[in-house]
Amino acid sequence: MKILVCISHVPDTTSKINFTENDTKFDTNGVQFVINPYDEFSLTRAMWFKEKQGASVTVVNVGGTETEPTLRKALAIGADDAIRVNAEPTDGFLVAKELAEVVKNGGYDLVLAGKESADYNGQMVPGMLASLLEYDFVNGCVGIEVEGSNVTLKREIDGGEEKVTSTLPMVVAGQKGIVEEKDLRIPNMRGIMMARKKPLSVVEASGVSASTSTKTFEKPAPKGDVKLVDNVDDLINLLHNEAKAI
């Protein structure tokens, strides 16, 4: 089984976010970038398939040279090889189109991704990728088993979980539950050294144009002052008349 894991290069959630050029560009100065957490859950599950069922695991990212350390970390975790599509990921549809070309050229059986990226939270790319490939798609996946070409999955729905079945090839967008946080892997020194020798291929973009553009960024309004109350009646009055919460 050939598995392709889509990796987003995102700012660490503890980073201080700023914008430049009249709030039209994200300021990367001083920002630490990491593997998108949702993608890391799916990558860890892919490693399970590699170790238990002999699958091969390739990781892919759409981005510039600045994303290569993130791909190298995925290689250090245990992926066999990496692909970087040399394009600026300015638009979800552009990213999906470029990933679709990689899947078509590589003949992958299972495409794993996170349900969304932790920076834009768009939840667009995996679904669009599946549509472009005409593959079955499961979002919010919290469990996956593969036997031959048959796939059994669990996905999170309102109020519980749903069990579904499908066949390969397919696209799966995972989240916490596909593996648990305790199962995530920290690269060790041996993995880091081996990652330096693993192939990282650069593929030129297919020339797809972005269908959307960013006009401006805006930070959330700062939190207001905290009001302390001495009794329940005052609290209810504030929630009802001022906060309009009840």
C-alpha atoms as a PDB file:
ATOM      1  CA  MET A   1       0.000   0.000   0.000  1.00  0.00           C
ATOM      2  CA  LYS A   2       1.333   3.400  -1.008  1.00  0.00           C
ATOM      3  CA  ILE A   3       0.349   6.196   1.365  1.00  0.00           C
ATOM      4  CA  LEU A   4       0.689   9.918   0.715  1.00  0.00           C
ATOM      5  CA  VAL A   5       0.453  12.212   3.743  1.00  0.00           C
ATOM      6  CA  CYS A   6      -0.254  15.893   3.048  1.00  0.00           C
ATOM      7  CA  ILE A   7       1.736  18.145   5.387  1.00  0.00           C
ATOM      8  CA  SER A   8       0.984  21.801   6.094  1.00  0.00           C
ATOM      9  CA  HIS A   9       3.737  24.108   7.345  1.00  0.00           C
ATOM     10  CA  VAL A  10       2.029  26.221  10.026  1.00  0.00           C
ATOM     11  CA  PRO A  11       3.045  28.625  12.817  1.00  0.00           C
ATOM     12  CA  ASP A  12       3.335  27.152  16.283  1.00  0.00           C
ATOM     13  CA  THR A  13       0.195  28.064  18.204  1.00  0.00           C
ATOM     14  CA  THR A  14       2.302  29.828  20.860  1.00  0.00           C
ATOM     15  CA  SER A  15       3.760  32.254  18.289  1.00  0.00           C
ATOM     16  CA  LYS A  16       2.939  35.946  18.465  1.00  0.00           C
ATOM     17  CA  ILE A  17       1.141  36.884  15.255  1.00  0.00           C
ATOM     18  CA  ASN A  18       1.718  40.197  13.446  1.00  0.00           C
ATOM     19  CA  PHE A  19       1.058  41.587   9.981  1.00  0.00           C
ATOM     20  CA  THR A  20       2.963  43.929   7.684  1.00  0.00           C
ATOM     21  CA  GLU A  21       2.324  46.056   4.564  1.00  0.00           C
ATOM     22  CA  ASN A  22      -0.875  47.606   5.897  1.00  0.00           C
ATOM     23  CA  ASP A  23      -2.062  44.276   7.329  1.00  0.00           C
ATOM     24  CA  THR A  24      -1.939  42.520   3.956  1.00  0.00           C
ATOM     25  CA  LYS A  25       1.009  40.181   4.678  1.00  0.00           C
ATOM     26  CA  PHE A  26       1.714  37.745   7.497  1.00  0.00           C
ATOM     27  CA  ASP A  27       4.915  38.654   9.346  1.00  0.00           C
ATOM     28  CA  THR A  28       7.048  35.507   9.674  1.00  0.00           C
ATOM     29  CA  ASN A  29       9.832  37.193  11.689  1.00  0.00           C
ATOM     30  CA  GLY A  30      10.431  35.298  14.918  1.00  0.00           C
ATOM     31  CA  VAL A  31       7.717  32.723  14.171  1.00  0.00           C
ATOM     32  CA  GLN A  32       8.446  29.037  14.758  1.00  0.00           C
ATOM     33  CA  PHE A  33       6.859  26.760  12.137  1.00  0.00           C
ATOM     34  CA  VAL A  34       5.788  23.170  12.772  1.00  0.00           C
ATOM     35  CA  ILE A  35       3.930  20.257  11.173  1.00  0.00           C
ATOM     36  CA  ASN A  36       0.226  21.042  11.253  1.00  0.00           C
ATOM     37  CA  PRO A  37      -1.069  19.171  14.349  1.00  0.00           C
ATOM     38  CA  TYR A  38      -3.981  17.516  12.499  1.00  0.00           C
ATOM     39  CA  ASP A  39      -1.580  16.334   9.790  1.00  0.00           C
ATOM     40  CA  GLU A  40       0.720  14.943  12.473  1.00  0.00           C
ATOM     41  CA  PHE A  41      -2.093  12.714  13.756  1.00  0.00           C
ATOM     42  CA  SER A  42      -2.560  11.318  10.238  1.00  0.00           C
ATOM     43  CA  LEU A  43       1.199  10.932   9.731  1.00  0.00           C
ATOM     44  CA  THR A  44       1.439   8.932  12.944  1.00  0.00           C
ATOM     45  CA  ARG A  45      -1.345   6.629  11.749  1.00  0.00           C
ATOM     46  CA  ALA A  46       0.479   6.207   8.443  1.00  0.00           C
ATOM     47  CA  MET A  47       3.552   5.089  10.398  1.00  0.00           C
ATOM     48  CA  TRP A  48       1.414   2.410  12.054  1.00  0.00           C
ATOM     49  CA  PHE A  49       0.449   1.092   8.596  1.00  0.00           C
ATOM     50  CA  LYS A  50       4.106   1.130   7.609  1.00  0.00           C
ATOM     51  CA  GLU A  51       5.210  -0.862  10.644  1.00  0.00           C
ATOM     52  CA  LYS A  52       2.280  -3.299  10.824  1.00  0.00           C
ATOM     53  CA  GLN A  53       1.416  -3.783   7.152  1.00  0.00           C
ATOM     54  CA  GLY A  54       4.555  -2.810   5.246  1.00  0.00           C
ATOM     55  CA  ALA A  55       3.099   0.320   3.650  1.00  0.00           C
ATOM     56  CA  SER A  56       5.352   2.939   2.089  1.00  0.00           C
ATOM     57  CA  VAL A  57       4.843   6.506   3.325  1.00  0.00           C
ATOM     58  CA  THR A  58       5.525   9.666   1.327  1.00  0.00           C
ATOM     59  CA  VAL A  59       4.922  13.162   2.692  1.00  0.00           C
ATOM     60  CA  VAL A  60       4.093  16.133   0.484  1.00  0.00           C
ATOM     61  CA  ASN A  61       3.857  19.877   0.958  1.00  0.00           C
ATOM     62  CA  VAL A  62       2.986  22.755  -1.334  1.00  0.00           C
ATOM     63  CA  GLY A  63       5.346  25.610  -0.494  1.00  0.00           C
ATOM     64  CA  GLY A  64       8.734  27.254  -0.853  1.00  0.00           C
ATOM     65  CA  THR A  65      12.153  26.211   0.412  1.00  0.00           C
ATOM     66  CA  GLU A  66      11.237  27.473   3.889  1.00  0.00           C
ATOM     67  CA  THR A  67       8.969  24.433   4.344  1.00  0.00           C
ATOM     68  CA  GLU A  68      11.739  21.863   3.865  1.00  0.00           C
ATOM     69  CA  PRO A  69      12.707  21.682   7.584  1.00  0.00           C
ATOM     70  CA  THR A  70       9.101  20.703   8.317  1.00  0.00           C
ATOM     71  CA  LEU A  71       9.284  17.964   5.691  1.00  0.00           C
ATOM     72  CA  ARG A  72      12.610  16.811   7.129  1.00  0.00           C
ATOM     73  CA  LYS A  73      10.939  16.489  10.543  1.00  0.00           C
ATOM     74  CA  ALA A  74       8.284  14.255   8.955  1.00  0.00           C
ATOM     75  CA  LEU A  75      11.099  12.166   7.462  1.00  0.00           C
ATOM     76  CA  ALA A  76      12.751  11.976  10.888  1.00  0.00           C
ATOM     77  CA  ILE A  77       9.469  10.681  12.328  1.00  0.00           C
ATOM     78  CA  GLY A  78       9.694   7.826   9.834  1.00  0.00           C
ATOM     79  CA  ALA A  79       8.335   8.728   6.389  1.00  0.00           C
ATOM     80  CA  ASP A  80      10.266   7.144   3.524  1.00  0.00           C
ATOM     81  CA  ASP A  81      10.540  10.137   1.218  1.00  0.00           C
ATOM     82  CA  ALA A  82       9.198  13.653   0.708  1.00  0.00           C
ATOM     83  CA  ILE A  83       7.920  15.821  -2.122  1.00  0.00           C
ATOM     84  CA  ARG A  84       7.791  19.617  -2.150  1.00  0.00           C
ATOM     85  CA  VAL A  85       5.651  21.249  -4.810  1.00  0.00           C
ATOM     86  CA  ASN A  86       7.369  24.546  -5.550  1.00  0.00           C
ATOM     87  CA  ALA A  87       4.389  26.909  -5.304  1.00  0.00           C
ATOM     88  CA  GLU A  88       3.168  29.533  -2.864  1.00  0.00           C
ATOM     89  CA  PRO A  89       0.094  28.097  -1.092  1.00  0.00           C
ATOM     90  CA  THR A  90      -2.029  31.231  -1.339  1.00  0.00           C
ATOM     91  CA  ASP A  91      -5.323  29.496  -2.050  1.00  0.00           C
ATOM     92  CA  GLY A  92      -6.959  26.218  -0.979  1.00  0.00           C
ATOM     93  CA  PHE A  93      -8.033  25.286  -4.502  1.00  0.00           C
ATOM     94  CA  LEU A  94      -4.518  25.887  -5.846  1.00  0.00           C
ATOM     95  CA  VAL A  95      -3.083  23.594  -3.148  1.00  0.00           C
ATOM     96  CA  ALA A  96      -5.677  20.890  -3.885  1.00  0.00           C
ATOM     97  CA  LYS A  97      -4.950  21.042  -7.637  1.00  0.00           C
ATOM     98  CA  GLU A  98      -1.193  20.721  -7.094  1.00  0.00           C
ATOM     99  CA  LEU A  99      -1.676  17.817  -4.676  1.00  0.00           C
ATOM    100  CA  ALA A 100      -3.980  16.110  -7.160  1.00  0.00           C
ATOM    101  CA  GLU A 101      -1.185  16.134  -9.743  1.00  0.00           C
ATOM    102  CA  VAL A 102       1.163  14.490  -7.235  1.00  0.00           C
ATOM    103  CA  VAL A 103      -1.392  11.773  -6.454  1.00  0.00           C
ATOM    104  CA  LYS A 104      -2.057  11.064 -10.140  1.00  0.00           C
ATOM    105  CA  ASN A 105       1.647  10.842 -10.962  1.00  0.00           C
ATOM    106  CA  GLY A 106       2.501   8.733  -7.905  1.00  0.00           C
ATOM    107  CA  GLY A 107      -0.282   6.147  -7.971  1.00  0.00           C
ATOM    108  CA  TYR A 108      -1.017   6.370  -4.248  1.00  0.00           C
ATOM    109  CA  ASP A 109      -3.628   4.078  -2.693  1.00  0.00           C
ATOM    110  CA  LEU A 110      -4.428   6.119   0.410  1.00  0.00           C
ATOM    111  CA  VAL A 111      -4.117   9.894   0.840  1.00  0.00           C
ATOM    112  CA  LEU A 112      -4.091  11.095   4.441  1.00  0.00           C
ATOM    113  CA  ALA A 113      -4.319  14.683   5.655  1.00  0.00           C
ATOM    114  CA  GLY A 114      -5.529  16.623   8.659  1.00  0.00           C
ATOM    115  CA  LYS A 115      -9.111  17.854   8.655  1.00  0.00           C
ATOM    116  CA  GLU A 116      -7.825  21.453   8.510  1.00  0.00           C
ATOM    117  CA  SER A 117      -4.691  23.538   8.957  1.00  0.00           C
ATOM    118  CA  ALA A 118      -4.151  25.278  12.267  1.00  0.00           C
ATOM    119  CA  ASP A 119      -3.477  28.656  10.640  1.00  0.00           C
ATOM    120  CA  TYR A 120      -6.450  29.301   8.318  1.00  0.00           C
ATOM    121  CA  ASN A 121      -8.822  26.563   9.607  1.00  0.00           C
ATOM    122  CA  GLY A 122     -10.435  26.375   6.173  1.00  0.00           C
ATOM    123  CA  GLN A 123     -11.316  22.643   6.072  1.00  0.00           C
ATOM    124  CA  MET A 124     -11.234  22.877   2.273  1.00  0.00           C
ATOM    125  CA  VAL A 125      -8.227  21.113   0.792  1.00  0.00           C
ATOM    126  CA  PRO A 126      -8.898  17.408   1.585  1.00  0.00           C
ATOM    127  CA  GLY A 127     -12.471  17.548   0.280  1.00  0.00           C
ATOM    128  CA  MET A 128     -11.495  19.427  -2.881  1.00  0.00           C
ATOM    129  CA  LEU A 129      -8.615  17.011  -3.444  1.00  0.00           C
ATOM    130  CA  ALA A 130     -10.968  14.018  -3.231  1.00  0.00           C
ATOM    131  CA  SER A 131     -13.371  15.702  -5.645  1.00  0.00           C
ATOM    132  CA  LEU A 132     -10.625  16.424  -8.183  1.00  0.00           C
ATOM    133  CA  LEU A 133      -9.449  12.810  -7.990  1.00  0.00           C
ATOM    134  CA  GLU A 134     -12.991  11.399  -7.893  1.00  0.00           C
ATOM    135  CA  TYR A 135     -12.015   9.401  -4.788  1.00  0.00           C
ATOM    136  CA  ASP A 136     -14.205   8.543  -1.824  1.00  0.00           C
ATOM    137  CA  PHE A 137     -13.662  10.951   1.082  1.00  0.00           C
ATOM    138  CA  VAL A 138     -14.127  10.777   4.846  1.00  0.00           C
ATOM    139  CA  ASN A 139     -13.667  13.900   6.976  1.00  0.00           C
ATOM    140  CA  GLY A 140     -13.151  14.142  10.734  1.00  0.00           C
ATOM    141  CA  CYS A 141     -11.800  10.583  10.816  1.00  0.00           C
ATOM    142  CA  VAL A 142     -11.104   9.166  14.287  1.00  0.00           C
ATOM    143  CA  GLY A 143     -10.389   5.571  13.290  1.00  0.00           C
ATOM    144  CA  ILE A 144      -9.183   3.711  10.192  1.00  0.00           C
ATOM    145  CA  GLU A 145      -8.376   0.081   9.397  1.00  0.00           C
ATOM    146  CA  VAL A 146      -7.314  -1.278   6.004  1.00  0.00           C
ATOM    147  CA  GLU A 147      -7.550  -4.905   4.896  1.00  0.00           C
ATOM    148  CA  GLY A 148      -6.527  -5.386   1.300  1.00  0.00           C
ATOM    149  CA  SER A 149      -8.492  -2.767  -0.626  1.00  0.00           C
ATOM    150  CA  ASN A 150     -11.278  -2.576   1.980  1.00  0.00           C
ATOM    151  CA  VAL A 151     -11.297   0.320   4.446  1.00  0.00           C
ATOM    152  CA  THR A 152     -13.291   0.608   7.674  1.00  0.00           C
ATOM    153  CA  LEU A 153     -13.462   4.086   9.184  1.00  0.00           C
ATOM    154  CA  LYS A 154     -14.985   5.938  12.099  1.00  0.00           C
ATOM    155  CA  ARG A 155     -15.755   9.609  11.853  1.00  0.00           C
ATOM    156  CA  GLU A 156     -16.916  12.126  14.407  1.00  0.00           C
ATOM    157  CA  ILE A 157     -20.486  13.408  14.022  1.00  0.00           C
ATOM    158  CA  ASP A 158     -22.758  15.498  16.251  1.00  0.00           C
ATOM    159  CA  GLY A 159     -23.523  13.453  19.338  1.00  0.00           C
ATOM    160  CA  GLY A 160     -21.298  10.493  18.559  1.00  0.00           C
ATOM    161  CA  GLU A 161     -19.373   8.529  15.958  1.00  0.00           C
ATOM    162  CA  GLU A 162     -20.344   6.961  12.633  1.00  0.00           C
ATOM    163  CA  LYS A 163     -18.811   3.798  11.188  1.00  0.00           C
ATOM    164  CA  VAL A 164     -18.437   3.700   7.395  1.00  0.00           C
ATOM    165  CA  THR A 165     -16.785   1.413   4.856  1.00  0.00           C
ATOM    166  CA  SER A 166     -15.109   2.177   1.553  1.00  0.00           C
ATOM    167  CA  THR A 167     -12.465   0.862  -0.828  1.00  0.00           C
ATOM    168  CA  LEU A 168      -9.102   2.145  -1.937  1.00  0.00           C
ATOM    169  CA  PRO A 169      -8.089   4.532  -3.387  1.00  0.00           C
ATOM    170  CA  MET A 170      -9.523   7.239  -1.143  1.00  0.00           C
ATOM    171  CA  VAL A 171      -8.772  10.465   0.733  1.00  0.00           C
ATOM    172  CA  VAL A 172      -9.088  10.612   4.529  1.00  0.00           C
ATOM    173  CA  ALA A 173      -8.906  13.754   6.677  1.00  0.00           C
ATOM    174  CA  GLY A 174      -7.968  12.827  10.226  1.00  0.00           C
ATOM    175  CA  GLN A 175      -8.002  14.452  13.619  1.00  0.00           C
ATOM    176  CA  LYS A 176      -7.272  13.509  17.226  1.00  0.00           C
ATOM    177  CA  GLY A 177      -8.644  10.009  17.661  1.00  0.00           C
ATOM    178  CA  ILE A 178      -7.144   8.558  14.500  1.00  0.00           C
ATOM    179  CA  VAL A 179      -4.285   8.323  16.989  1.00  0.00           C
ATOM    180  CA  GLU A 180      -4.052   9.781  20.483  1.00  0.00           C
ATOM    181  CA  GLU A 181      -1.680  12.546  21.563  1.00  0.00           C
ATOM    182  CA  LYS A 182       0.349  10.058  23.590  1.00  0.00           C
ATOM    183  CA  ASP A 183       1.087   8.155  20.363  1.00  0.00           C
ATOM    184  CA  LEU A 184       2.641  11.146  18.562  1.00  0.00           C
ATOM    185  CA  ARG A 185       6.334  10.668  17.879  1.00  0.00           C
ATOM    186  CA  ILE A 186       9.229  12.937  18.706  1.00  0.00           C
ATOM    187  CA  PRO A 187      12.139  12.459  16.283  1.00  0.00           C
ATOM    188  CA  ASN A 188      15.180  10.908  17.962  1.00  0.00           C
ATOM    189  CA  MET A 189      18.788  11.502  16.969  1.00  0.00           C
ATOM    190  CA  ARG A 190      18.923   8.392  14.792  1.00  0.00           C
ATOM    191  CA  GLY A 191      15.766   9.468  12.952  1.00  0.00           C
ATOM    192  CA  ILE A 192      17.147  12.978  12.433  1.00  0.00           C
ATOM    193  CA  MET A 193      20.402  11.628  11.004  1.00  0.00           C
ATOM    194  CA  MET A 194      18.579   9.197   8.706  1.00  0.00           C
ATOM    195  CA  ALA A 195      16.247  11.974   7.504  1.00  0.00           C
ATOM    196  CA  ARG A 196      19.232  13.829   6.038  1.00  0.00           C
ATOM    197  CA  LYS A 197      19.817  10.944   3.625  1.00  0.00           C
ATOM    198  CA  LYS A 198      16.196  10.341   2.626  1.00  0.00           C
ATOM    199  CA  PRO A 199      15.075  11.730  -0.747  1.00  0.00           C
ATOM    200  CA  LEU A 200      13.286  15.077  -0.820  1.00  0.00           C
ATOM    201  CA  SER A 201      12.119  15.784  -4.361  1.00  0.00           C
ATOM    202  CA  VAL A 202      11.150  19.236  -5.613  1.00  0.00           C
ATOM    203  CA  VAL A 203       8.388  19.285  -8.218  1.00  0.00           C
ATOM    204  CA  GLU A 204       7.694  22.436 -10.170  1.00  0.00           C
ATOM    205  CA  ALA A 205       4.147  23.771  -9.942  1.00  0.00           C
ATOM    206  CA  SER A 206       1.704  22.908 -12.706  1.00  0.00           C
ATOM    207  CA  GLY A 207       0.837  26.577 -13.196  1.00  0.00           C
ATOM    208  CA  VAL A 208      -2.615  26.562 -11.611  1.00  0.00           C
ATOM    209  CA  SER A 209      -3.849  30.068 -10.778  1.00  0.00           C
ATOM    210  CA  ALA A 210      -5.296  30.889  -7.363  1.00  0.00           C
ATOM    211  CA  SER A 211      -9.041  31.526  -7.430  1.00  0.00           C
ATOM    212  CA  THR A 212      -9.050  33.750  -4.328  1.00  0.00           C
ATOM    213  CA  SER A 213      -6.729  36.363  -2.836  1.00  0.00           C
ATOM    214  CA  THR A 214      -6.231  37.859   0.605  1.00  0.00           C
ATOM    215  CA  LYS A 215      -7.295  41.500   0.900  1.00  0.00           C
ATOM    216  CA  THR A 216      -6.348  42.161   4.522  1.00  0.00           C
ATOM    217  CA  PHE A 217      -5.819  40.562   7.924  1.00  0.00           C
ATOM    218  CA  GLU A 218      -7.361  41.782  11.175  1.00  0.00           C
ATOM    219  CA  LYS A 219      -6.607  40.711  14.732  1.00  0.00           C
ATOM    220  CA  PRO A 220      -9.462  39.942  17.121  1.00  0.00           C
ATOM    221  CA  ALA A 221     -10.499  42.832  19.353  1.00  0.00           C
ATOM    222  CA  PRO A 222      -8.684  42.842  22.706  1.00  0.00           C
ATOM    223  CA  LYS A 223     -10.545  41.395  25.650  1.00  0.00           C
ATOM    224  CA  GLY A 224     -12.389  43.876  27.836  1.00  0.00           C
ATOM    225  CA  ASP A 225     -11.866  44.500  31.531  1.00  0.00           C
ATOM    226  CA  VAL A 226     -12.949  41.832  33.989  1.00  0.00           C
ATOM    227  CA  LYS A 227     -15.810  42.675  36.352  1.00  0.00           C
ATOM    228  CA  LEU A 228     -15.938  40.989  39.732  1.00  0.00           C
ATOM    229  CA  VAL A 229     -19.276  40.485  41.467  1.00  0.00           C
ATOM    230  CA  ASP A 230     -20.081  39.562  45.040  1.00  0.00           C
ATOM    231  CA  ASN A 231     -23.360  37.712  44.615  1.00  0.00           C
ATOM    232  CA  VAL A 232     -25.366  35.640  42.150  1.00  0.00           C
ATOM    233  CA  ASP A 233     -28.043  38.311  41.608  1.00  0.00           C
ATOM    234  CA  ASP A 234     -25.480  40.825  40.324  1.00  0.00           C
ATOM    235  CA  LEU A 235     -23.943  38.149  38.085  1.00  0.00           C
ATOM    236  CA  ILE A 236     -27.311  37.278  36.550  1.00  0.00           C
ATOM    237  CA  ASN A 237     -28.088  40.963  36.008  1.00  0.00           C
ATOM    238  CA  LEU A 238     -24.782  41.536  34.176  1.00  0.00           C
ATOM    239  CA  LEU A 239     -25.167  38.420  32.029  1.00  0.00           C
ATOM    240  CA  HIS A 240     -28.722  39.364  31.130  1.00  0.00           C
ATOM    241  CA  ASN A 241     -28.539  43.126  30.647  1.00  0.00           C
ATOM    242  CA  GLU A 242     -24.910  43.829  29.705  1.00  0.00           C
ATOM    243  CA  ALA A 243     -23.397  40.703  28.165  1.00  0.00           C
ATOM    244  CA  LYS A 244     -26.753  39.618  26.660  1.00  0.00           C
ATOM    245  CA  ALA A 245     -25.651  36.054  27.286  1.00  0.00           C
ATOM    246  CA  ILE A 246     -28.930  34.897  28.818  1.00  0.00           C
END
